[in-house]
C-alpha atoms as a PDB file:
ATOM      1  CA  ALA A   1     -16.403  14.545   2.280  1.00  0.00           C
ATOM      2  CA  ALA A   2     -15.451  10.925   1.898  1.00  0.00           C
ATOM      3  CA  THR A   3     -17.091   8.894  -0.813  1.00  0.00           C
ATOM      4  CA  GLU A   4     -18.448   5.387  -0.274  1.00  0.00           C
ATOM      5  CA  GLU A   5     -16.047   4.083  -2.937  1.00  0.00           C
ATOM      6  CA  GLU A   6     -13.109   5.544  -1.064  1.00  0.00           C
ATOM      7  CA  PHE A   7     -13.709   3.142   1.836  1.00  0.00           C
ATOM      8  CA  ASP A   8     -14.621   0.095  -0.278  1.00  0.00           C
ATOM      9  CA  GLU A   9     -12.699  -2.703   1.453  1.00  0.00           C
ATOM     10  CA  THR A  10     -13.253  -5.040  -1.498  1.00  0.00           C
ATOM     11  CA  GLY A  11     -11.344  -2.684  -3.811  1.00  0.00           C
ATOM     12  CA  PRO A  12      -7.607  -2.663  -4.465  1.00  0.00           C
ATOM     13  CA  ILE A  13      -6.802   0.282  -2.165  1.00  0.00           C
ATOM     14  CA  PHE A  14      -8.506   1.918   0.819  1.00  0.00           C
ATOM     15  CA  PRO A  15      -7.654   3.795   4.056  1.00  0.00           C
ATOM     16  CA  CYS A  16      -7.814   1.705   7.234  1.00  0.00           C
ATOM     17  CA  GLY A  17      -6.978   2.930  10.746  1.00  0.00           C
ATOM     18  CA  THR A  18      -3.650   4.159  12.074  1.00  0.00           C
ATOM     19  CA  ASP A  19      -0.368   2.587  13.117  1.00  0.00           C
ATOM     20  CA  LEU A  20       1.158   2.656  16.613  1.00  0.00           C
ATOM     21  CA  TRP A  21       2.465   6.190  16.079  1.00  0.00           C
ATOM     22  CA  GLY A  22      -0.876   7.599  14.913  1.00  0.00           C
ATOM     23  CA  LYS A  23       0.056   7.558  11.245  1.00  0.00           C
ATOM     24  CA  PRO A  24      -2.803   6.547   8.943  1.00  0.00           C
ATOM     25  CA  THR A  25      -2.587   3.234   7.122  1.00  0.00           C
ATOM     26  CA  VAL A  26      -3.701   2.441   3.611  1.00  0.00           C
ATOM     27  CA  ILE A  27      -4.386  -1.151   2.569  1.00  0.00           C
ATOM     28  CA  ALA A  28      -3.326  -2.145  -0.944  1.00  0.00           C
ATOM     29  CA  ARG A  29      -4.722  -5.461  -2.196  1.00  0.00           C
ATOM     30  CA  PRO A  30      -3.392  -6.014  -5.704  1.00  0.00           C
ATOM     31  CA  ALA A  31      -5.379  -9.275  -6.041  1.00  0.00           C
ATOM     32  CA  ALA A  32      -8.503  -7.098  -6.365  1.00  0.00           C
ATOM     33  CA  HIS A  33      -7.002  -5.492  -9.490  1.00  0.00           C
ATOM     34  CA  LEU A  34      -7.659  -7.452 -12.699  1.00  0.00           C
ATOM     35  CA  PRO A  35      -6.662  -5.225 -15.617  1.00  0.00           C
ATOM     36  CA  THR A  36      -7.989  -6.130 -19.051  1.00  0.00           C
ATOM     37  CA  CYS A  37      -6.538  -3.161 -20.940  1.00  0.00           C
ATOM     38  CA  GLU A  38      -4.303  -0.086 -20.590  1.00  0.00           C
ATOM     39  CA  ALA A  39      -7.278   2.019 -19.525  1.00  0.00           C
ATOM     40  CA  ASP A  40      -7.833  -0.297 -16.513  1.00  0.00           C
ATOM     41  CA  SER A  41      -4.211   0.163 -15.473  1.00  0.00           C
ATOM     42  CA  ARG A  42      -4.347   3.941 -15.801  1.00  0.00           C
ATOM     43  CA  GLU A  43      -7.659   4.136 -13.913  1.00  0.00           C
ATOM     44  CA  ALA A  44      -6.115   2.054 -11.115  1.00  0.00           C
ATOM     45  CA  VAL A  45      -3.163   4.477 -10.935  1.00  0.00           C
ATOM     46  CA  GLN A  46      -5.562   7.425 -10.634  1.00  0.00           C
ATOM     47  CA  ARG A  47      -7.515   5.612  -7.913  1.00  0.00           C
ATOM     48  CA  ALA A  48      -4.338   4.786  -5.952  1.00  0.00           C
ATOM     49  CA  VAL A  49      -3.045   8.375  -6.145  1.00  0.00           C
ATOM     50  CA  TYR A  50      -6.485   9.716  -5.183  1.00  0.00           C
ATOM     51  CA  THR A  51      -6.715   7.440  -2.118  1.00  0.00           C
ATOM     52  CA  TYR A  52      -3.158   8.274  -1.058  1.00  0.00           C
ATOM     53  CA  LYS A  53      -3.717  12.018  -1.503  1.00  0.00           C
ATOM     54  CA  ARG A  54      -7.116  12.009   0.254  1.00  0.00           C
ATOM     55  CA  THR A  55      -5.617  10.151   3.205  1.00  0.00           C
ATOM     56  CA  LEU A  56      -2.819  12.712   3.438  1.00  0.00           C
ATOM     57  CA  ASP A  57      -5.287  15.609   3.035  1.00  0.00           C
ATOM     58  CA  ARG A  58      -7.158  14.430   6.114  1.00  0.00           C
ATOM     59  CA  LEU A  59      -4.109  14.704   8.353  1.00  0.00           C
ATOM     60  CA  GLU A  60      -4.002  17.526  10.825  1.00  0.00           C
ATOM     61  CA  PRO A  61      -1.646  20.302   9.657  1.00  0.00           C
ATOM     62  CA  HIS A  62       1.766  20.005  11.304  1.00  0.00           C
ATOM     63  CA  SER A  63       0.701  16.894  13.199  1.00  0.00           C
ATOM     64  CA  ALA A  64       3.049  14.136  14.305  1.00  0.00           C
ATOM     65  CA  SER A  65       1.401  11.950  11.678  1.00  0.00           C
ATOM     66  CA  GLU A  66       2.396  13.692   8.458  1.00  0.00           C
ATOM     67  CA  LYS A  67       3.348  10.321   6.985  1.00  0.00           C
ATOM     68  CA  LEU A  68       1.407   7.172   6.285  1.00  0.00           C
ATOM     69  CA  THR A  69       1.969   3.441   6.218  1.00  0.00           C
ATOM     70  CA  ILE A  70       0.903   1.195   3.345  1.00  0.00           C
ATOM     71  CA  ILE A  71       0.057  -2.439   4.088  1.00  0.00           C
ATOM     72  CA  TYR A  72       0.566  -4.258   0.782  1.00  0.00           C
ATOM     73  CA  ASP A  73      -1.407  -7.493   1.119  1.00  0.00           C
ATOM     74  CA  CYS A  74      -0.406 -10.104  -1.464  1.00  0.00           C
ATOM     75  CA  SER A  75      -3.161 -12.594  -0.471  1.00  0.00           C
ATOM     76  CA  GLY A  76      -4.607 -14.251  -3.565  1.00  0.00           C
ATOM     77  CA  LEU A  77      -2.167 -12.513  -5.876  1.00  0.00           C
ATOM     78  CA  THR A  78      -1.570 -14.214  -9.232  1.00  0.00           C
ATOM     79  CA  ARG A  79       0.197 -13.284 -12.454  1.00  0.00           C
ATOM     80  CA  LYS A  80      -3.113 -11.859 -13.737  1.00  0.00           C
ATOM     81  CA  ASN A  81      -2.932  -9.158 -11.072  1.00  0.00           C
ATOM     82  CA  LEU A  82       0.679  -8.145 -11.689  1.00  0.00           C
ATOM     83  CA  ASP A  83       0.434  -5.032 -13.796  1.00  0.00           C
ATOM     84  CA  LEU A  84       3.770  -3.585 -14.852  1.00  0.00           C
ATOM     85  CA  LEU A  85       2.124  -0.599 -16.573  1.00  0.00           C
ATOM     86  CA  PHE A  86       0.377   0.253 -13.280  1.00  0.00           C
ATOM     87  CA  ALA A  87       3.650  -0.115 -11.351  1.00  0.00           C
ATOM     88  CA  LYS A  88       5.696   1.860 -13.898  1.00  0.00           C
ATOM     89  CA  GLU A  89       3.220   4.759 -13.796  1.00  0.00           C
ATOM     90  CA  LEU A  90       2.509   4.756 -10.060  1.00  0.00           C
ATOM     91  CA  VAL A  91       6.045   4.413  -8.679  1.00  0.00           C
ATOM     92  CA  PRO A  92       7.376   7.673 -10.208  1.00  0.00           C
ATOM     93  CA  ILE A  93       4.252   9.577  -9.136  1.00  0.00           C
ATOM     94  CA  LEU A  94       4.510   8.447  -5.528  1.00  0.00           C
ATOM     95  CA  GLY A  95       8.292   8.650  -5.547  1.00  0.00           C
ATOM     96  CA  ASN A  96       8.411  12.182  -6.944  1.00  0.00           C
ATOM     97  CA  ARG A  97       5.350  13.745  -5.315  1.00  0.00           C
ATOM     98  CA  PHE A  98       5.058  11.986  -1.974  1.00  0.00           C
ATOM     99  CA  PRO A  99       8.341  10.321  -0.881  1.00  0.00           C
ATOM    100  CA  GLU A 100       8.656  12.326   2.325  1.00  0.00           C
ATOM    101  CA  ARG A 101       5.048  11.434   3.249  1.00  0.00           C
ATOM    102  CA  LEU A 102       5.650   7.653   3.224  1.00  0.00           C
ATOM    103  CA  GLU A 103       6.586   6.128   6.565  1.00  0.00           C
ATOM    104  CA  ARG A 104       6.825   2.515   5.422  1.00  0.00           C
ATOM    105  CA  VAL A 105       5.360  -0.218   3.247  1.00  0.00           C
ATOM    106  CA  LEU A 106       4.630  -3.525   4.970  1.00  0.00           C
ATOM    107  CA  VAL A 107       4.424  -6.354   2.435  1.00  0.00           C
ATOM    108  CA  ILE A 108       2.443  -9.304   3.770  1.00  0.00           C
ATOM    109  CA  ASN A 109       1.300 -12.704   2.506  1.00  0.00           C
ATOM    110  CA  ALA A 110       3.873 -12.683  -0.289  1.00  0.00           C
ATOM    111  CA  HIS A 111       4.666 -15.968  -2.005  1.00  0.00           C
ATOM    112  CA  TRP A 112       8.356 -16.623  -2.730  1.00  0.00           C
ATOM    113  CA  SER A 113       7.621 -16.238  -6.452  1.00  0.00           C
ATOM    114  CA  MET A 114       6.976 -12.530  -5.834  1.00  0.00           C
ATOM    115  CA  ASN A 115      10.741 -12.016  -5.665  1.00  0.00           C
ATOM    116  CA  PHE A 116      10.846 -11.595  -9.459  1.00  0.00           C
ATOM    117  CA  PHE A 117       8.257  -8.794  -9.361  1.00  0.00           C
ATOM    118  CA  TRP A 118      10.034  -7.155  -6.408  1.00  0.00           C
ATOM    119  CA  TYR A 119      13.333  -7.091  -8.319  1.00  0.00           C
ATOM    120  CA  ALA A 120      11.613  -5.469 -11.317  1.00  0.00           C
ATOM    121  CA  ILE A 121       9.901  -2.827  -9.170  1.00  0.00           C
ATOM    122  CA  SER A 122      12.799  -2.185  -6.794  1.00  0.00           C
ATOM    123  CA  ALA A 123      15.028  -1.310  -9.746  1.00  0.00           C
ATOM    124  CA  VAL A 124      12.935   1.805 -10.412  1.00  0.00           C
ATOM    125  CA  LEU A 125      12.580   2.829  -6.750  1.00  0.00           C
ATOM    126  CA  GLU A 126      14.779   5.443  -5.163  1.00  0.00           C
ATOM    127  CA  PRO A 127      17.012   3.874  -2.467  1.00  0.00           C
ATOM    128  CA  SER A 128      15.281   5.975   0.200  1.00  0.00           C
ATOM    129  CA  ILE A 129      11.913   4.458  -0.792  1.00  0.00           C
ATOM    130  CA  ARG A 130      13.316   0.931  -1.169  1.00  0.00           C
ATOM    131  CA  GLU A 131      14.572   1.115   2.428  1.00  0.00           C
ATOM    132  CA  LYS A 132      11.029   1.786   3.654  1.00  0.00           C
ATOM    133  CA  VAL A 133       9.728  -1.533   2.304  1.00  0.00           C
ATOM    134  CA  LYS A 134       9.593  -4.352   4.860  1.00  0.00           C
ATOM    135  CA  ALA A 135       8.409  -7.896   4.163  1.00  0.00           C
ATOM    136  CA  ILE A 136       6.515  -9.519   7.030  1.00  0.00           C
ATOM    137  CA  GLY A 137       6.799 -13.304   6.885  1.00  0.00           C
ATOM    138  CA  GLN A 138       4.335 -15.926   8.100  1.00  0.00           C
ATOM    139  CA  ARG A 139       6.441 -16.814  11.099  1.00  0.00           C
ATOM    140  CA  ASN A 140       5.269 -14.639  14.000  1.00  0.00           C
ATOM    141  CA  PHE A 141       3.040 -12.705  11.570  1.00  0.00           C
ATOM    142  CA  LEU A 142       0.648 -11.263  14.151  1.00  0.00           C
ATOM    143  CA  ASP A 143       3.428 -10.265  16.538  1.00  0.00           C
ATOM    144  CA  SER A 144       5.354  -8.619  13.695  1.00  0.00           C
ATOM    145  CA  MET A 145       2.295  -6.706  12.492  1.00  0.00           C
ATOM    146  CA  ARG A 146       1.362  -5.628  16.023  1.00  0.00           C
ATOM    147  CA  ALA A 147       4.859  -4.156  16.379  1.00  0.00           C
ATOM    148  CA  PHE A 148       3.883  -1.672  13.641  1.00  0.00           C
ATOM    149  CA  VAL A 149       0.116  -1.243  13.850  1.00  0.00           C
ATOM    150  CA  GLY A 150      -0.768  -2.254  17.430  1.00  0.00           C
ATOM    151  CA  GLU A 151      -3.205  -4.711  18.945  1.00  0.00           C
ATOM    152  CA  ASP A 152      -6.450  -3.111  17.793  1.00  0.00           C
ATOM    153  CA  HIS A 153      -5.764  -2.162  14.185  1.00  0.00           C
ATOM    154  CA  PRO A 154      -8.830  -2.825  11.997  1.00  0.00           C
ATOM    155  CA  PHE A 155      -6.716  -4.793   9.504  1.00  0.00           C
ATOM    156  CA  LEU A 156      -5.911  -7.465  12.084  1.00  0.00           C
ATOM    157  CA  ARG A 157      -9.612  -8.386  12.268  1.00  0.00           C
ATOM    158  CA  TYR A 158      -9.227  -9.928   8.808  1.00  0.00           C
ATOM    159  CA  SER A 159      -5.860 -11.610   9.359  1.00  0.00           C
END
């Protein structure tokens, strides 16, 4: 059974609808993550892995949607939210345990200054994972997002 916390849309990660191909989407909002210590970072990693795994567990066995899409929303992101310990611990877990289950990562609302963080993170990503990351710019944002998630995706209500 799903927990209330699992669907908390004010938190840093939660499941939200499906994409055009019926694959579930997970919203990641790093601006909601404000670590104050190592324990905060490690708890956030556990929460992210739990949400990812629970979303995958809910898929029908042998369905066409054995993968999921992550929408990584950088709205409101500041240096205070950028947590290298979180990234260093999460990337190998997802990369080693779930790489074949990831369809794509759509990065949205990213400021140009995020390039530095992307270079740091992309260095530890496998090339096959790095290729699944797509930045969606502000120009034609809604059309670009609809090309992946469709007209009626719950996320577009907030965009």
